[in-house]
Amino acid sequence: MLQTGQKAPHFKSVDHNNQVVSLSDYLGSKNVILYFYPKDDTPGCTIEANDFTRLANEFSKLDTVIIGVSKDSCDSHMAFIDKYGLKVELLADTSGEVCEAYDVWREKEKNGVKKMGIVRSTFVIDKNGVLVEAQYGVDPNGHAEAILETVKQL
């Protein structure tokens, strides 16, 4: 598990527009909310994406970008964005490299069945590339608001 105070692992992946996005794009200029979610257009993931979208302007005023990450494809991300009018950037980590780097790809159990999947997690990375918050197993309800409060303290 990653810990607050440590350097954030570098990430590089394509976004919903098939453009390469990396942590270095934001170093020195923006804080980054990097949130991992299991699957596009599922109940908890939709709550989280909509809540971050609702607060996107507030995050922007605080020099903060919001980037969601799942293993879904660029096409899936575009459909998700279009369906809900999302204002967050979504990375298509189809290889799982970013999930592995942030230690969110784990064995999960649901209804007695064990399988690998993304543990809903959020990382707040400051402009210097340091983790100021690392949360694993988050509840999507009220989560965006709590993260906004964290960013206000930066």
C-alpha atoms as a PDB file:
ATOM      1  CA  MET A   1       0.000   0.000   0.000  1.00  0.00           C
ATOM      2  CA  LEU A   2       1.139   3.496  -0.775  1.00  0.00           C
ATOM      3  CA  GLN A   3       1.467   5.916   2.120  1.00  0.00           C
ATOM      4  CA  THR A   4       1.021   9.654   2.501  1.00  0.00           C
ATOM      5  CA  GLY A   5       4.281  11.575   2.344  1.00  0.00           C
ATOM      6  CA  GLN A   6       5.907   9.354  -0.260  1.00  0.00           C
ATOM      7  CA  LYS A   7       6.577  10.273  -3.871  1.00  0.00           C
ATOM      8  CA  ALA A   8       3.637   9.343  -6.094  1.00  0.00           C
ATOM      9  CA  PRO A   9       4.443   6.586  -8.584  1.00  0.00           C
ATOM     10  CA  HIS A  10       4.810   7.904 -12.112  1.00  0.00           C
ATOM     11  CA  PHE A  11       1.879   7.078 -14.359  1.00  0.00           C
ATOM     12  CA  LYS A  12       1.427   7.264 -18.098  1.00  0.00           C
ATOM     13  CA  SER A  13      -1.640   6.055 -19.974  1.00  0.00           C
ATOM     14  CA  VAL A  14      -4.071   7.102 -22.684  1.00  0.00           C
ATOM     15  CA  ASP A  15      -7.171   9.075 -21.816  1.00  0.00           C
ATOM     16  CA  HIS A  16     -10.682   8.828 -23.241  1.00  0.00           C
ATOM     17  CA  ASN A  17      -9.496  10.809 -26.297  1.00  0.00           C
ATOM     18  CA  ASN A  18      -6.623   8.354 -26.844  1.00  0.00           C
ATOM     19  CA  GLN A  19      -4.116  11.066 -25.824  1.00  0.00           C
ATOM     20  CA  VAL A  20      -1.163  10.147 -23.597  1.00  0.00           C
ATOM     21  CA  VAL A  21      -1.425  11.616 -20.098  1.00  0.00           C
ATOM     22  CA  SER A  22       1.271  11.355 -17.438  1.00  0.00           C
ATOM     23  CA  LEU A  23       1.940  12.646 -13.944  1.00  0.00           C
ATOM     24  CA  SER A  24       4.813  14.747 -15.296  1.00  0.00           C
ATOM     25  CA  ASP A  25       2.267  16.777 -17.330  1.00  0.00           C
ATOM     26  CA  TYR A  26       1.099  18.339 -14.062  1.00  0.00           C
ATOM     27  CA  LEU A  27       4.210  18.524 -11.869  1.00  0.00           C
ATOM     28  CA  GLY A  28       4.907  22.060 -10.711  1.00  0.00           C
ATOM     29  CA  SER A  29       1.547  23.402 -11.899  1.00  0.00           C
ATOM     30  CA  LYS A  30      -1.404  21.282 -10.732  1.00  0.00           C
ATOM     31  CA  ASN A  31      -2.469  19.053  -7.878  1.00  0.00           C
ATOM     32  CA  VAL A  32      -3.833  15.737  -9.124  1.00  0.00           C
ATOM     33  CA  ILE A  33      -6.763  13.723  -7.817  1.00  0.00           C
ATOM     34  CA  LEU A  34      -6.117  10.225  -9.165  1.00  0.00           C
ATOM     35  CA  TYR A  35      -9.080   8.027  -8.407  1.00  0.00           C
ATOM     36  CA  PHE A  36      -9.424   4.371  -9.348  1.00  0.00           C
ATOM     37  CA  TYR A  37     -12.796   2.757  -9.905  1.00  0.00           C
ATOM     38  CA  PRO A  38     -13.869  -0.736 -10.990  1.00  0.00           C
ATOM     39  CA  LYS A  39     -16.016  -0.166 -14.108  1.00  0.00           C
ATOM     40  CA  ASP A  40     -17.656   2.523 -16.229  1.00  0.00           C
ATOM     41  CA  ASP A  41     -21.394   3.085 -15.860  1.00  0.00           C
ATOM     42  CA  THR A  42     -21.906   0.972 -12.746  1.00  0.00           C
ATOM     43  CA  PRO A  43     -23.765   2.373  -9.706  1.00  0.00           C
ATOM     44  CA  GLY A  44     -20.909   3.335  -7.356  1.00  0.00           C
ATOM     45  CA  CYS A  45     -18.651   4.445 -10.175  1.00  0.00           C
ATOM     46  CA  THR A  46     -21.377   6.662 -11.605  1.00  0.00           C
ATOM     47  CA  ILE A  47     -22.010   8.285  -8.208  1.00  0.00           C
ATOM     48  CA  GLU A  48     -18.316   9.037  -7.829  1.00  0.00           C
ATOM     49  CA  ALA A  49     -17.849  10.385 -11.374  1.00  0.00           C
ATOM     50  CA  ASN A  50     -20.959  12.556 -11.133  1.00  0.00           C
ATOM     51  CA  ASP A  51     -19.911  13.949  -7.744  1.00  0.00           C
ATOM     52  CA  PHE A  52     -16.413  14.816  -8.984  1.00  0.00           C
ATOM     53  CA  THR A  53     -18.028  16.415 -12.058  1.00  0.00           C
ATOM     54  CA  ARG A  54     -20.382  18.468  -9.891  1.00  0.00           C
ATOM     55  CA  LEU A  55     -17.372  19.804  -7.955  1.00  0.00           C
ATOM     56  CA  ALA A  56     -15.015  20.120 -10.954  1.00  0.00           C
ATOM     57  CA  ASN A  57     -15.093  23.929 -10.952  1.00  0.00           C
ATOM     58  CA  GLU A  58     -14.240  24.035  -7.245  1.00  0.00           C
ATOM     59  CA  PHE A  59     -11.265  21.722  -7.804  1.00  0.00           C
ATOM     60  CA  SER A  60     -10.177  23.794 -10.806  1.00  0.00           C
ATOM     61  CA  LYS A  61     -10.134  26.975  -8.685  1.00  0.00           C
ATOM     62  CA  LEU A  62      -7.668  25.130  -6.428  1.00  0.00           C
ATOM     63  CA  ASP A  63      -5.323  24.251  -9.344  1.00  0.00           C
ATOM     64  CA  THR A  64      -6.436  20.629  -9.191  1.00  0.00           C
ATOM     65  CA  VAL A  65      -7.233  18.175 -11.985  1.00  0.00           C
ATOM     66  CA  ILE A  66      -9.399  15.099 -11.515  1.00  0.00           C
ATOM     67  CA  ILE A  67      -8.372  11.910 -13.273  1.00  0.00           C
ATOM     68  CA  GLY A  68     -10.336   8.680 -13.021  1.00  0.00           C
ATOM     69  CA  VAL A  69      -8.666   5.369 -13.859  1.00  0.00           C
ATOM     70  CA  SER A  70     -10.148   1.994 -14.736  1.00  0.00           C
ATOM     71  CA  LYS A  71      -9.244  -0.848 -17.063  1.00  0.00           C
ATOM     72  CA  ASP A  72     -12.088   0.074 -19.437  1.00  0.00           C
ATOM     73  CA  SER A  73     -11.297   1.049 -23.042  1.00  0.00           C
ATOM     74  CA  CYS A  74     -11.220   4.565 -24.482  1.00  0.00           C
ATOM     75  CA  ASP A  75     -14.532   3.839 -26.254  1.00  0.00           C
ATOM     76  CA  SER A  76     -16.147   2.761 -22.994  1.00  0.00           C
ATOM     77  CA  HIS A  77     -14.860   5.920 -21.289  1.00  0.00           C
ATOM     78  CA  MET A  78     -16.227   8.137 -24.075  1.00  0.00           C
ATOM     79  CA  ALA A  79     -19.663   6.511 -23.800  1.00  0.00           C
ATOM     80  CA  PHE A  80     -19.578   6.991 -19.993  1.00  0.00           C
ATOM     81  CA  ILE A  81     -18.595  10.662 -20.353  1.00  0.00           C
ATOM     82  CA  ASP A  82     -21.219  11.300 -23.028  1.00  0.00           C
ATOM     83  CA  LYS A  83     -24.008   9.559 -21.115  1.00  0.00           C
ATOM     84  CA  TYR A  84     -23.532  11.632 -17.944  1.00  0.00           C
ATOM     85  CA  GLY A  85     -21.819  14.808 -19.231  1.00  0.00           C
ATOM     86  CA  LEU A  86     -18.777  14.062 -17.082  1.00  0.00           C
ATOM     87  CA  LYS A  87     -16.109  16.738 -16.591  1.00  0.00           C
ATOM     88  CA  VAL A  88     -13.317  14.453 -15.443  1.00  0.00           C
ATOM     89  CA  GLU A  89     -10.477  12.959 -17.410  1.00  0.00           C
ATOM     90  CA  LEU A  90     -10.617   9.165 -17.655  1.00  0.00           C
ATOM     91  CA  LEU A  91      -7.552   7.012 -18.253  1.00  0.00           C
ATOM     92  CA  ALA A  92      -7.857   3.679 -20.023  1.00  0.00           C
ATOM     93  CA  ASP A  93      -5.402   1.517 -18.085  1.00  0.00           C
ATOM     94  CA  THR A  94      -6.111  -1.547 -20.204  1.00  0.00           C
ATOM     95  CA  SER A  95      -2.673  -3.019 -19.437  1.00  0.00           C
ATOM     96  CA  GLY A  96      -3.154  -2.576 -15.691  1.00  0.00           C
ATOM     97  CA  GLU A  97       0.247  -0.902 -15.235  1.00  0.00           C
ATOM     98  CA  VAL A  98      -1.143   2.152 -13.438  1.00  0.00           C
ATOM     99  CA  CYS A  99      -3.367  -0.020 -11.226  1.00  0.00           C
ATOM    100  CA  GLU A 100      -0.333  -2.135 -10.281  1.00  0.00           C
ATOM    101  CA  ALA A 101       1.835   0.936  -9.567  1.00  0.00           C
ATOM    102  CA  TYR A 102      -0.794   2.292  -7.169  1.00  0.00           C
ATOM    103  CA  ASP A 103      -1.489  -1.140  -5.618  1.00  0.00           C
ATOM    104  CA  VAL A 104      -5.216  -1.102  -6.369  1.00  0.00           C
ATOM    105  CA  TRP A 105      -5.373  -4.352  -8.410  1.00  0.00           C
ATOM    106  CA  ARG A 106      -6.250  -6.881  -5.758  1.00  0.00           C
ATOM    107  CA  GLU A 107      -8.180 -10.030  -5.040  1.00  0.00           C
ATOM    108  CA  LYS A 108     -11.749  -9.171  -4.087  1.00  0.00           C
ATOM    109  CA  GLU A 109     -14.560 -11.352  -2.837  1.00  0.00           C
ATOM    110  CA  LYS A 110     -18.216 -10.869  -3.723  1.00  0.00           C
ATOM    111  CA  ASN A 111     -20.959 -13.360  -2.911  1.00  0.00           C
ATOM    112  CA  GLY A 112     -18.336 -15.927  -1.948  1.00  0.00           C
ATOM    113  CA  VAL A 113     -16.513 -15.650  -5.284  1.00  0.00           C
ATOM    114  CA  LYS A 114     -12.916 -14.428  -5.322  1.00  0.00           C
ATOM    115  CA  LYS A 115     -11.532 -12.602  -8.335  1.00  0.00           C
ATOM    116  CA  MET A 116      -9.062  -9.870  -9.179  1.00  0.00           C
ATOM    117  CA  GLY A 117     -10.376  -6.331  -9.542  1.00  0.00           C
ATOM    118  CA  ILE A 118      -9.785  -2.666  -8.853  1.00  0.00           C
ATOM    119  CA  VAL A 119     -10.249  -1.614  -5.246  1.00  0.00           C
ATOM    120  CA  ARG A 120     -11.929   1.815  -5.294  1.00  0.00           C
ATOM    121  CA  SER A 121      -9.126   4.112  -4.174  1.00  0.00           C
ATOM    122  CA  THR A 122      -8.171   7.786  -4.327  1.00  0.00           C
ATOM    123  CA  PHE A 123      -4.819   9.534  -4.234  1.00  0.00           C
ATOM    124  CA  VAL A 124      -4.249  13.252  -3.772  1.00  0.00           C
ATOM    125  CA  ILE A 125      -0.930  14.250  -5.322  1.00  0.00           C
ATOM    126  CA  ASP A 126       0.427  17.738  -4.710  1.00  0.00           C
ATOM    127  CA  LYS A 127       2.209  19.911  -7.276  1.00  0.00           C
ATOM    128  CA  ASN A 128       5.544  18.431  -6.189  1.00  0.00           C
ATOM    129  CA  GLY A 129       4.417  14.871  -6.904  1.00  0.00           C
ATOM    130  CA  VAL A 130       4.019  13.874  -3.253  1.00  0.00           C
ATOM    131  CA  LEU A 131       1.074  11.820  -1.987  1.00  0.00           C
ATOM    132  CA  VAL A 132      -0.807  13.927   0.552  1.00  0.00           C
ATOM    133  CA  GLU A 133      -3.650  11.421   0.759  1.00  0.00           C
ATOM    134  CA  ALA A 134      -3.865   7.700  -0.066  1.00  0.00           C
ATOM    135  CA  GLN A 135      -7.240   6.053   0.534  1.00  0.00           C
ATOM    136  CA  TYR A 136      -8.073   2.439  -0.301  1.00  0.00           C
ATOM    137  CA  GLY A 137     -11.554   0.897  -0.258  1.00  0.00           C
ATOM    138  CA  VAL A 138     -13.437   4.189  -0.300  1.00  0.00           C
ATOM    139  CA  ASP A 139     -17.211   4.615  -0.249  1.00  0.00           C
ATOM    140  CA  PRO A 140     -18.301   6.698  -3.266  1.00  0.00           C
ATOM    141  CA  ASN A 141     -21.053   8.481  -1.309  1.00  0.00           C
ATOM    142  CA  GLY A 142     -19.755  11.875  -0.163  1.00  0.00           C
ATOM    143  CA  HIS A 143     -16.238  10.993  -1.229  1.00  0.00           C
ATOM    144  CA  ALA A 144     -15.715  13.855  -3.713  1.00  0.00           C
ATOM    145  CA  GLU A 145     -16.723  16.388  -1.053  1.00  0.00           C
ATOM    146  CA  ALA A 146     -14.261  14.895   1.454  1.00  0.00           C
ATOM    147  CA  ILE A 147     -11.452  14.995  -1.118  1.00  0.00           C
ATOM    148  CA  LEU A 148     -12.275  18.634  -1.908  1.00  0.00           C
ATOM    149  CA  GLU A 149     -11.832  19.455   1.788  1.00  0.00           C
ATOM    150  CA  THR A 150      -8.416  17.750   1.692  1.00  0.00           C
ATOM    151  CA  VAL A 151      -7.373  19.799  -1.341  1.00  0.00           C
ATOM    152  CA  LYS A 152      -8.467  23.033   0.360  1.00  0.00           C
ATOM    153  CA  GLN A 153      -5.822  22.324   3.017  1.00  0.00           C
ATOM    154  CA  LEU A 154      -2.962  22.208   0.501  1.00  0.00           C
END
